[in-house]
Amino acid sequence: MSQPSSFKPTLSLLDATMVVAGSMIGSGIFIVSADITRLTGSAGWLLLVWLITGFMTLTAALSYGELSGMFPKAGGQYVYLKEAWSPLTAFVYGWSFFTVIQTATIAAVGVAFAKFTAYLVPAFSEDIVALDMGWLRISRAQLLSLAVILILTFINTRGIKSGKLVQTTLTLIKIASLAALIVCGLALLKPGIWQANWQNAWHLHPVSSSVSYTFIGALGAIAAAMVGSIFSSDSWHNVAFIAGEIRNPRRNIGMSLFLGTMIVTVLYLLANITYLAVLPLLEIAGAEKDRVAVAASRAMFGEAGTMLIAAMIMISTFGCNNGLILAGARVYYTMANDGLFFRRAGRLNQAAVPSFALWTQCLVACIWSISGRYGDLLDMISFVVVGFYMLTIAGIFRLRKKRPDAERPYKAFGYPVLPIIYICMGLTFCLLLIFYKPRFTWPGLIIALAGIPVYYFVITKKKKPTSHRTGTP
């Protein structure tokens, strides 16, 4: 049998929506509210941080709908940046995506799965060293993370139907589970705790200090707090990477982006209201290892709640990683066909999926998982991620000028107001991080800019004739 030359469009609107929602809901919503509360010190600001993030995510998703309708093919944001700006801009994004953004996220979510598995099976504790080489210690949690990444990569090499079955099933389960947790939390609301949490609800101050922020310091604290909520809400655009495998992509990608991000935004806000309904602010801020959902579940159901939430997060992170692994490889496939990635990554296997790209992504994710440095890098890359979002959305304005007559089955909702608002909010976020939390900015920027010399090296190599054909890395 000859190898397929194109993807098979087999994903429905439901499947595409589950890719959006499933890739967004990982472990973040169960953890990052602790750090947000420590930085803001109040119930009102905790919810407002999530609301601002949700607004930005929805605005970006609605804007991406126009781009997905114009370019309904594999590659998503990489393709949009190339068409709107330049191949260099697209490559720098793809480079950042491959080296850190997607692969480190896969590692982080894999280790989160392992950490919560340890609640049910203590043998997988991150405190138990499985391999000690002196310069490198690998815990059992990290080994389990590696196993999960390898298993999910293998499943996705078997074809898009295998990946979508895992994704759709697990995402429906975790949406239902998170909704059930919210309903139980609101039903078991503790009036005394709720009222105490809403006293001085808009007094912005760090939990560890009784001193309030100055105006500039307050803006910086909000930006720093949003690092966690943005990470928890990221990867919503993964569905655009698999456009070639979605039925009626011009319609269904835009619809799935809206439906998926709306579902998750509402769930995230309600989950935080649930935390405030059963836990005092200081307990949210001081949750052991930031596991706010575990503390909330324990407050609702006793010790049995710990096991319940652990199982729920295991399902959530497993499904999230499947979506990340499934979608990410399509970016490398498109880059390879542009001559900007390993040539073999641009080929499909018998199941019509880019298996070499999947395994290459798996290798880098496993390296990050073993290194244990993925968490720091994800904080540092938030600046770059939002920067690429701004560039992509600004590309809508550029493309309307460059290609006014191009077919646009769907036009960005609220254009030009909402896209401009997003760009202004994103720019404010990035500038505040530069001044207030520089350690969250320069490392990610260095990683991204390192892609520029790599791009010119690859282009130079392509131009060199080698036996009547050009070479690729």
Protein backbone atom coordinates (compact mmCIF):
# COMPACT_ATOMS: atom_id res chain seq x y z
CA MET A 1 0.00 0.00 0.00
CA SER A 2 1.21 3.47 -0.84
CA GLN A 3 1.43 6.05 1.90
CA PRO A 4 -1.41 8.63 2.02
CA SER A 5 -0.48 12.04 0.67
CA SER A 6 -3.12 13.99 2.59
CA PHE A 7 -5.01 13.94 5.88
CA LYS A 8 -8.41 12.29 6.27
CA PRO A 9 -11.19 14.73 7.32
CA THR A 10 -12.90 12.60 9.97
CA LEU A 11 -13.44 14.96 12.95
CA SER A 12 -16.93 16.34 13.58
CA LEU A 13 -17.83 19.64 15.25
CA LEU A 14 -18.18 17.79 18.58
CA ASP A 15 -14.75 16.20 18.17
CA ALA A 16 -13.19 19.56 17.29
CA THR A 17 -14.85 21.26 20.27
CA MET A 18 -13.55 18.53 22.56
CA VAL A 19 -10.03 19.13 21.22
CA VAL A 20 -10.36 22.81 22.19
CA ALA A 21 -11.83 22.19 25.65
CA GLY A 22 -9.76 19.09 26.36
CA SER A 23 -6.47 20.78 25.48
CA MET A 24 -7.33 23.70 27.78
CA ILE A 25 -8.45 21.76 30.87
CA GLY A 26 -5.40 20.12 32.39
CA SER A 27 -4.15 20.59 35.94
CA GLY A 28 -3.97 24.41 36.04
CA ILE A 29 -7.52 25.11 37.20
CA PHE A 30 -6.97 22.79 40.16
CA ILE A 31 -3.73 24.49 41.24
CA VAL A 32 -2.94 28.04 40.09
CA SER A 33 -5.68 29.81 42.07
CA ALA A 34 -3.43 29.46 45.13
CA ASP A 35 -0.72 31.64 43.62
CA ILE A 36 -3.26 34.10 42.19
CA THR A 37 -4.76 34.48 45.68
CA ARG A 38 -1.34 35.01 47.25
CA LEU A 39 -0.64 37.83 44.79
CA THR A 40 -4.06 39.52 44.91
CA GLY A 41 -5.24 38.72 48.46
CA SER A 42 -8.96 39.08 47.73
CA ALA A 43 -11.94 37.20 46.32
CA GLY A 44 -12.92 39.93 43.86
CA TRP A 45 -9.49 40.15 42.30
CA LEU A 46 -9.14 36.36 42.16
CA LEU A 47 -12.27 36.15 40.03
CA LEU A 48 -11.38 39.25 38.02
CA VAL A 49 -8.01 37.75 37.00
CA TRP A 50 -9.86 34.69 35.67
CA LEU A 51 -12.48 36.90 34.02
CA ILE A 52 -9.85 39.03 32.24
CA THR A 53 -8.09 35.87 31.06
CA GLY A 54 -11.39 34.40 29.87
CA PHE A 55 -12.25 37.58 27.98
CA MET A 56 -8.85 37.60 26.28
CA THR A 57 -9.15 33.93 25.38
CA LEU A 58 -12.65 34.30 23.92
CA THR A 59 -11.65 37.42 21.99
CA ALA A 60 -8.61 35.68 20.53
CA ALA A 61 -10.65 32.58 19.66
CA LEU A 62 -13.29 34.66 17.87
CA SER A 63 -10.55 36.45 15.94
CA TYR A 64 -8.87 33.17 14.96
CA GLY A 65 -12.16 32.07 13.41
CA GLU A 66 -11.57 34.43 10.47
CA LEU A 67 -8.04 33.10 9.91
CA SER A 68 -9.15 29.46 10.16
CA GLY A 69 -11.80 30.09 7.52
CA MET A 70 -9.24 31.69 5.19
CA PHE A 71 -6.60 28.97 5.66
CA PRO A 72 -8.37 25.70 6.54
CA LYS A 73 -5.29 23.50 6.48
CA ALA A 74 -2.91 21.83 8.93
CA GLY A 75 -0.54 24.11 10.80
CA GLY A 76 -2.90 26.66 12.35
CA GLN A 77 -1.08 29.59 13.92
CA TYR A 78 2.13 28.78 12.04
CA VAL A 79 0.26 29.14 8.73
CA TYR A 80 -1.51 32.34 9.83
CA LEU A 81 1.77 34.01 10.81
CA LYS A 82 3.40 32.98 7.53
CA GLU A 83 0.53 34.29 5.40
CA ALA A 84 0.11 37.54 7.35
CA TRP A 85 3.74 38.41 8.08
CA SER A 86 6.60 36.29 6.77
CA PRO A 87 8.14 32.80 6.75
CA LEU A 88 10.71 34.04 9.32
CA THR A 89 7.98 35.07 11.78
CA ALA A 90 6.25 31.72 11.30
CA PHE A 91 9.51 29.81 11.80
CA VAL A 92 10.34 31.65 15.04
CA TYR A 93 6.90 30.66 16.30
CA GLY A 94 7.36 27.06 15.16
CA TRP A 95 10.81 26.95 16.74
CA SER A 96 9.46 28.26 20.07
CA PHE A 97 6.53 25.86 19.81
CA PHE A 98 8.77 22.84 19.28
CA THR A 99 11.53 23.70 21.74
CA VAL A 100 9.37 24.83 24.68
CA ILE A 101 5.75 25.91 24.23
CA GLN A 102 4.18 22.58 23.27
CA THR A 103 6.80 20.09 24.38
CA ALA A 104 7.36 21.57 27.85
CA THR A 105 3.59 21.78 28.33
CA ILE A 106 3.27 18.09 27.45
CA ALA A 107 5.98 17.34 30.04
CA ALA A 108 4.31 19.49 32.71
CA VAL A 109 0.90 17.91 32.17
CA GLY A 110 2.45 14.43 32.18
CA VAL A 111 4.16 15.01 35.51
CA ALA A 112 0.93 16.52 36.90
CA PHE A 113 -0.82 13.26 35.97
CA ALA A 114 1.86 11.30 37.81
CA LYS A 115 1.74 13.51 40.91
CA PHE A 116 -1.98 13.03 41.35
CA THR A 117 -1.70 9.33 40.59
CA ALA A 118 0.48 9.17 43.71
CA TYR A 119 -2.57 10.07 45.79
CA LEU A 120 -4.12 6.76 44.74
CA VAL A 121 -0.89 4.78 44.32
CA PRO A 122 1.81 6.16 46.68
CA ALA A 123 4.47 4.09 44.91
CA PHE A 124 4.49 6.76 42.18
CA SER A 125 5.41 9.56 44.55
CA GLU A 126 7.64 12.30 43.20
CA ASP A 127 9.68 11.94 46.42
CA ILE A 128 10.74 8.38 45.57
CA VAL A 129 13.92 8.38 43.48
CA ALA A 130 13.89 5.66 40.84
CA LEU A 131 17.26 6.46 39.27
CA ASP A 132 20.11 8.44 40.82
CA MET A 133 23.05 9.26 38.57
CA GLY A 134 24.45 11.96 40.82
CA TRP A 135 24.02 14.80 38.35
CA LEU A 136 20.47 13.70 37.58
CA ARG A 137 17.76 12.19 39.75
CA ILE A 138 14.66 10.72 38.18
CA SER A 139 11.62 10.10 40.35
CA ARG A 140 8.96 7.46 39.86
CA ALA A 141 6.53 10.25 39.03
CA GLN A 142 8.77 11.29 36.15
CA LEU A 143 8.99 7.70 34.90
CA LEU A 144 5.19 7.47 34.93
CA SER A 145 5.08 10.75 33.03
CA LEU A 146 7.39 9.30 30.39
CA ALA A 147 5.15 6.22 30.11
CA VAL A 148 2.04 8.37 29.61
CA ILE A 149 3.71 10.49 26.90
CA LEU A 150 4.96 7.36 25.10
CA ILE A 151 1.57 5.59 25.30
CA LEU A 152 -0.39 8.59 24.04
CA THR A 153 2.10 9.16 21.22
CA PHE A 154 1.75 5.53 20.18
CA ILE A 155 -2.06 5.76 20.24
CA ASN A 156 -1.95 8.82 18.00
CA THR A 157 0.36 7.13 15.49
CA ARG A 158 -2.42 4.57 14.94
CA GLY A 159 -4.60 7.17 13.25
CA ILE A 160 -6.80 10.17 13.94
CA LYS A 161 -9.74 7.93 14.94
CA SER A 162 -7.74 6.50 17.85
CA GLY A 163 -6.73 9.95 19.04
CA LYS A 164 -10.22 11.42 18.70
CA LEU A 165 -11.81 8.51 20.61
CA VAL A 166 -9.54 9.16 23.59
CA GLN A 167 -9.96 12.94 23.31
CA THR A 168 -13.73 13.14 22.96
CA THR A 169 -14.47 10.49 25.59
CA LEU A 170 -12.14 11.84 28.27
CA THR A 171 -13.05 15.48 27.65
CA LEU A 172 -16.77 14.75 28.05
CA ILE A 173 -15.98 12.87 31.28
CA LYS A 174 -13.86 15.68 32.73
CA ILE A 175 -16.36 18.41 31.78
CA ALA A 176 -19.09 16.40 33.52
CA SER A 177 -16.83 15.77 36.53
CA LEU A 178 -15.83 19.42 36.87
CA ALA A 179 -19.48 20.45 36.54
CA ALA A 180 -20.44 17.95 39.26
CA LEU A 181 -17.73 19.32 41.56
CA ILE A 182 -19.06 22.84 41.00
CA VAL A 183 -22.67 21.82 41.69
CA CYS A 184 -21.65 20.01 44.90
CA GLY A 185 -19.54 22.97 46.03
CA LEU A 186 -22.36 25.46 45.50
CA ALA A 187 -24.85 23.12 47.20
CA LEU A 188 -22.51 22.76 50.20
CA LEU A 189 -21.69 26.48 50.34
CA LYS A 190 -20.60 27.57 53.82
CA PRO A 191 -22.24 30.97 54.47
CA GLY A 192 -19.73 32.05 57.11
CA ILE A 193 -16.73 31.35 54.88
CA TRP A 194 -18.42 32.90 51.84
CA GLN A 195 -19.25 36.12 53.67
CA ALA A 196 -15.77 36.38 55.20
CA ASN A 197 -14.15 35.91 51.79
CA TRP A 198 -16.18 38.81 50.36
CA GLN A 199 -15.26 41.27 53.06
CA ASN A 200 -12.85 43.80 51.51
CA ALA A 201 -13.27 41.85 48.28
CA TRP A 202 -11.50 44.53 46.22
CA HIS A 203 -8.62 45.24 48.60
CA LEU A 204 -5.65 44.25 46.46
CA HIS A 205 -2.73 43.20 48.65
CA PRO A 206 -0.25 40.33 48.92
CA VAL A 207 -1.34 37.63 51.37
CA SER A 208 2.13 37.45 52.93
CA SER A 209 2.12 41.16 53.79
CA SER A 210 -0.33 43.64 55.31
CA VAL A 211 1.04 46.39 53.03
CA SER A 212 -1.07 47.23 49.97
CA TYR A 213 0.44 47.60 46.52
CA THR A 214 1.23 50.93 44.96
CA PHE A 215 -0.66 51.58 41.72
CA ILE A 216 2.16 50.34 39.48
CA GLY A 217 2.89 47.44 41.83
CA ALA A 218 -0.78 46.47 41.73
CA LEU A 219 -0.75 46.31 37.92
CA GLY A 220 2.42 44.22 38.05
CA ALA A 221 0.85 41.85 40.59
CA ILE A 222 -2.19 41.37 38.35
CA ALA A 223 0.06 40.63 35.36
CA ALA A 224 2.09 38.14 37.43
CA ALA A 225 -1.12 36.51 38.67
CA MET A 226 -2.34 36.15 35.08
CA VAL A 227 0.68 34.04 34.17
CA GLY A 228 -1.02 31.10 35.88
CA SER A 229 -4.50 31.72 34.50
CA ILE A 230 -3.15 32.23 30.96
CA PHE A 231 -1.20 28.96 31.18
CA SER A 232 -4.38 27.22 32.41
CA SER A 233 -6.39 28.67 29.51
CA ASP A 234 -3.79 28.12 26.81
CA SER A 235 -3.74 25.56 23.98
CA TRP A 236 -7.30 26.52 22.91
CA HIS A 237 -5.99 27.08 19.38
CA ASN A 238 -4.72 23.49 19.01
CA VAL A 239 -7.77 22.61 16.93
CA ALA A 240 -6.50 24.87 14.12
CA PHE A 241 -3.38 22.69 13.82
CA ILE A 242 -5.52 19.73 12.72
CA ALA A 243 -7.67 21.65 10.23
CA GLY A 244 -6.91 19.11 7.51
CA GLU A 245 -8.65 16.39 9.55
CA ILE A 246 -11.84 18.32 10.39
CA ARG A 247 -14.98 18.00 8.29
CA ASN A 248 -16.16 21.33 6.86
CA PRO A 249 -13.19 23.17 8.44
CA ARG A 250 -14.20 26.64 7.23
CA ARG A 251 -17.25 26.45 9.48
CA ASN A 252 -16.38 23.95 12.19
CA ILE A 253 -13.00 25.34 13.31
CA GLY A 254 -14.43 28.76 14.10
CA MET A 255 -17.47 27.23 15.81
CA SER A 256 -15.37 24.82 17.87
CA LEU A 257 -13.05 27.64 18.96
CA PHE A 258 -16.01 29.65 20.24
CA LEU A 259 -17.86 26.75 21.88
CA GLY A 260 -14.77 25.19 23.48
CA THR A 261 -13.37 28.41 24.93
CA MET A 262 -16.80 29.52 26.17
CA ILE A 263 -17.41 26.21 27.95
CA VAL A 264 -14.01 26.29 29.65
CA THR A 265 -14.21 29.99 30.60
CA VAL A 266 -17.54 29.44 32.34
CA LEU A 267 -16.30 26.29 34.10
CA TYR A 268 -13.15 28.06 35.31
CA LEU A 269 -15.08 30.98 36.79
CA LEU A 270 -17.57 28.65 38.50
CA ALA A 271 -14.74 26.47 39.85
CA ASN A 272 -13.17 29.49 41.54
CA ILE A 273 -16.53 30.51 42.97
CA THR A 274 -16.73 26.97 44.37
CA TYR A 275 -13.32 27.36 46.04
CA LEU A 276 -14.50 30.60 47.63
CA ALA A 277 -17.70 28.90 48.78
CA VAL A 278 -15.98 26.23 50.87
CA LEU A 279 -12.46 27.51 51.71
CA PRO A 280 -11.25 30.66 53.51
CA LEU A 281 -8.94 32.84 51.41
CA LEU A 282 -5.93 31.96 53.53
CA GLU A 283 -6.55 28.24 52.95
CA ILE A 284 -6.80 28.83 49.20
CA ALA A 285 -3.52 30.76 49.26
CA GLY A 286 -1.83 28.25 51.54
CA ALA A 287 -3.09 24.99 50.02
CA GLU A 288 -0.48 22.24 50.31
CA LYS A 289 1.63 22.25 47.13
CA ASP A 290 -0.98 24.70 45.73
CA ARG A 291 -3.54 21.89 45.35
CA VAL A 292 -6.61 24.07 45.89
CA ALA A 293 -9.05 21.59 44.37
CA VAL A 294 -7.83 18.87 46.75
CA ALA A 295 -8.37 21.15 49.75
CA ALA A 296 -11.84 22.14 48.48
CA SER A 297 -12.82 18.55 47.84
CA ARG A 298 -11.61 17.54 51.31
CA ALA A 299 -13.70 20.35 52.82
CA MET A 300 -16.77 19.04 50.98
CA PHE A 301 -16.38 15.27 51.23
CA GLY A 302 -13.74 14.60 53.89
CA GLU A 303 -10.68 12.47 53.15
CA ALA A 304 -12.59 10.58 50.46
CA GLY A 305 -12.62 13.85 48.56
CA THR A 306 -8.84 13.67 48.13
CA MET A 307 -9.13 10.40 46.22
CA LEU A 308 -12.09 11.71 44.23
CA ILE A 309 -10.30 14.82 43.03
CA ALA A 310 -7.08 12.87 42.34
CA ALA A 311 -8.98 10.52 40.00
CA MET A 312 -10.65 13.50 38.36
CA ILE A 313 -7.33 15.27 37.73
CA MET A 314 -5.81 12.07 36.38
CA ILE A 315 -8.57 11.90 33.76
CA SER A 316 -8.22 15.61 33.07
CA THR A 317 -4.46 15.61 32.55
CA PHE A 318 -4.47 12.38 30.53
CA GLY A 319 -7.05 13.80 28.14
CA CYS A 320 -5.29 17.17 28.01
CA ASN A 321 -2.00 15.56 27.02
CA ASN A 322 -3.70 13.55 24.31
CA GLY A 323 -4.98 16.76 22.74
CA LEU A 324 -1.58 18.43 22.98
CA ILE A 325 0.22 15.45 21.45
CA LEU A 326 -2.37 14.95 18.70
CA ALA A 327 -2.34 18.58 17.56
CA GLY A 328 1.28 19.61 18.02
CA ALA A 329 2.76 17.22 15.48
CA ARG A 330 0.75 18.82 12.66
CA VAL A 331 2.74 22.04 13.05
CA TYR A 332 6.03 20.20 12.47
CA TYR A 333 4.44 18.41 9.50
CA THR A 334 3.61 21.76 7.87
CA MET A 335 7.04 23.20 8.69
CA ALA A 336 8.69 20.15 7.12
CA ASN A 337 6.70 20.65 3.92
CA ASP A 338 8.01 24.23 3.88
CA GLY A 339 11.55 22.83 4.13
CA LEU A 340 11.99 24.19 7.67
CA PHE A 341 11.96 20.98 9.74
CA PHE A 342 13.20 17.40 9.46
CA ARG A 343 12.14 16.16 6.02
CA ARG A 344 10.63 12.92 7.35
CA ALA A 345 8.26 14.90 9.59
CA GLY A 346 6.45 15.99 6.43
CA ARG A 347 5.34 12.46 5.57
CA LEU A 348 2.21 10.60 6.65
CA ASN A 349 2.22 6.95 7.68
CA GLN A 350 -0.27 4.29 6.56
CA ALA A 351 -2.79 5.66 9.08
CA ALA A 352 -2.54 9.14 7.46
CA VAL A 353 -0.85 10.78 10.47
CA PRO A 354 2.67 12.30 10.75
CA SER A 355 4.20 9.57 12.91
CA PHE A 356 7.81 10.81 12.66
CA ALA A 357 6.69 14.28 13.81
CA LEU A 358 4.80 12.65 16.68
CA TRP A 359 7.84 10.69 17.86
CA THR A 360 10.16 13.70 17.48
CA GLN A 361 7.80 15.74 19.66
CA CYS A 362 7.67 12.82 22.11
CA LEU A 363 11.47 12.76 22.41
CA VAL A 364 11.75 16.47 23.29
CA ALA A 365 8.81 16.26 25.73
CA CYS A 366 10.45 13.30 27.46
CA ILE A 367 13.72 15.24 27.79
CA TRP A 368 11.86 18.13 29.44
CA SER A 369 10.06 15.66 31.69
CA ILE A 370 13.33 14.17 32.90
CA SER A 371 14.99 17.56 33.33
CA GLY A 372 12.34 18.84 35.75
CA ARG A 373 12.81 22.40 34.41
CA TYR A 374 9.58 22.59 32.41
CA GLY A 375 7.70 24.53 35.12
CA ASP A 376 10.17 27.43 35.14
CA LEU A 377 10.21 27.54 31.35
CA LEU A 378 6.43 27.64 31.10
CA ASP A 379 6.35 30.68 33.38
CA MET A 380 9.02 32.28 31.24
CA ILE A 381 7.33 31.49 27.93
CA SER A 382 3.93 33.07 28.81
CA PHE A 383 5.32 36.40 27.63
CA VAL A 384 6.25 34.92 24.25
CA VAL A 385 2.96 33.03 23.88
CA VAL A 386 0.90 36.20 24.35
CA GLY A 387 3.28 38.02 21.99
CA PHE A 388 2.58 35.51 19.22
CA TYR A 389 -1.16 35.74 19.88
CA MET A 390 -0.95 39.52 19.43
CA LEU A 391 1.02 39.15 16.20
CA THR A 392 -1.47 36.63 14.86
CA ILE A 393 -4.49 38.80 15.67
CA ALA A 394 -2.74 41.86 14.22
CA GLY A 395 -2.36 39.72 11.11
CA ILE A 396 -6.12 40.02 10.57
CA PHE A 397 -5.70 43.76 9.96
CA ARG A 398 -2.74 43.15 7.67
CA LEU A 399 -4.51 40.46 5.63
CA ARG A 400 -7.61 42.62 5.18
CA LYS A 401 -5.34 45.21 3.60
CA LYS A 402 -3.16 42.78 1.62
CA ARG A 403 -5.98 40.49 0.47
CA PRO A 404 -9.25 42.45 0.61
CA ASP A 405 -10.94 40.14 -1.91
CA ALA A 406 -9.92 36.85 -0.24
CA GLU A 407 -12.75 34.52 0.73
CA ARG A 408 -13.70 34.95 4.39
CA PRO A 409 -16.47 32.49 5.32
CA TYR A 410 -16.36 33.84 8.86
CA LYS A 411 -15.30 37.33 9.89
CA ALA A 412 -13.78 38.18 13.27
CA PHE A 413 -16.56 39.03 15.72
CA GLY A 414 -16.43 42.63 16.92
CA TYR A 415 -13.80 43.65 14.33
CA PRO A 416 -11.97 45.97 14.68
CA VAL A 417 -12.86 46.80 18.30
CA LEU A 418 -12.39 43.41 20.00
CA PRO A 419 -9.12 42.55 18.23
CA ILE A 420 -7.73 45.99 19.14
CA ILE A 421 -8.82 45.52 22.76
CA TYR A 422 -7.05 42.15 22.84
CA ILE A 423 -3.85 43.60 21.41
CA CYS A 424 -3.92 46.46 23.94
CA MET A 425 -4.54 44.07 26.84
CA GLY A 426 -1.84 41.69 25.64
CA LEU A 427 0.64 44.53 25.18
CA THR A 428 -0.12 45.83 28.68
CA PHE A 429 0.37 42.33 30.12
CA CYS A 430 3.74 41.92 28.37
CA LEU A 431 5.03 45.39 29.32
CA LEU A 432 4.05 44.89 32.96
CA LEU A 433 5.90 41.57 33.04
CA ILE A 434 8.99 43.22 31.53
CA PHE A 435 9.10 45.83 34.28
CA TYR A 436 7.62 43.95 37.23
CA LYS A 437 8.66 40.32 36.63
CA PRO A 438 11.61 40.37 34.21
CA ARG A 439 12.45 36.75 35.02
CA PHE A 440 9.16 35.83 33.31
CA THR A 441 10.23 37.56 30.09
CA TRP A 442 13.87 37.53 29.02
CA PRO A 443 14.48 33.73 29.08
CA GLY A 444 11.44 33.09 26.87
CA LEU A 445 12.44 35.94 24.59
CA ILE A 446 15.97 34.52 24.24
CA ILE A 447 14.57 31.09 23.34
CA ALA A 448 12.31 32.64 20.68
CA LEU A 449 15.00 34.92 19.22
CA ALA A 450 17.41 31.99 19.00
CA GLY A 451 15.16 30.78 16.20
CA ILE A 452 16.29 33.65 13.94
CA PRO A 453 19.87 32.40 13.32
CA VAL A 454 18.51 28.85 13.05
CA TYR A 455 16.11 30.01 10.33
CA TYR A 456 18.88 31.61 8.26
CA PHE A 457 21.07 28.55 8.74
CA VAL A 458 18.28 26.32 7.41
CA ILE A 459 17.54 28.69 4.50
CA THR A 460 21.23 28.81 3.56
CA LYS A 461 21.44 25.04 3.66
CA LYS A 462 18.34 24.74 1.45
CA LYS A 463 19.91 26.96 -1.19
CA LYS A 464 23.04 24.84 -1.51
CA PRO A 465 22.67 22.46 -4.46
CA THR A 466 23.18 18.81 -3.53
CA SER A 467 22.87 16.46 -6.51
CA HIS A 468 20.03 18.39 -8.17
CA ARG A 469 17.99 18.74 -4.99
CA THR A 470 17.93 20.94 -1.98
CA GLY A 471 18.64 19.67 1.48
CA THR A 472 16.61 20.15 4.62
CA PRO A 473 17.72 19.65 8.19
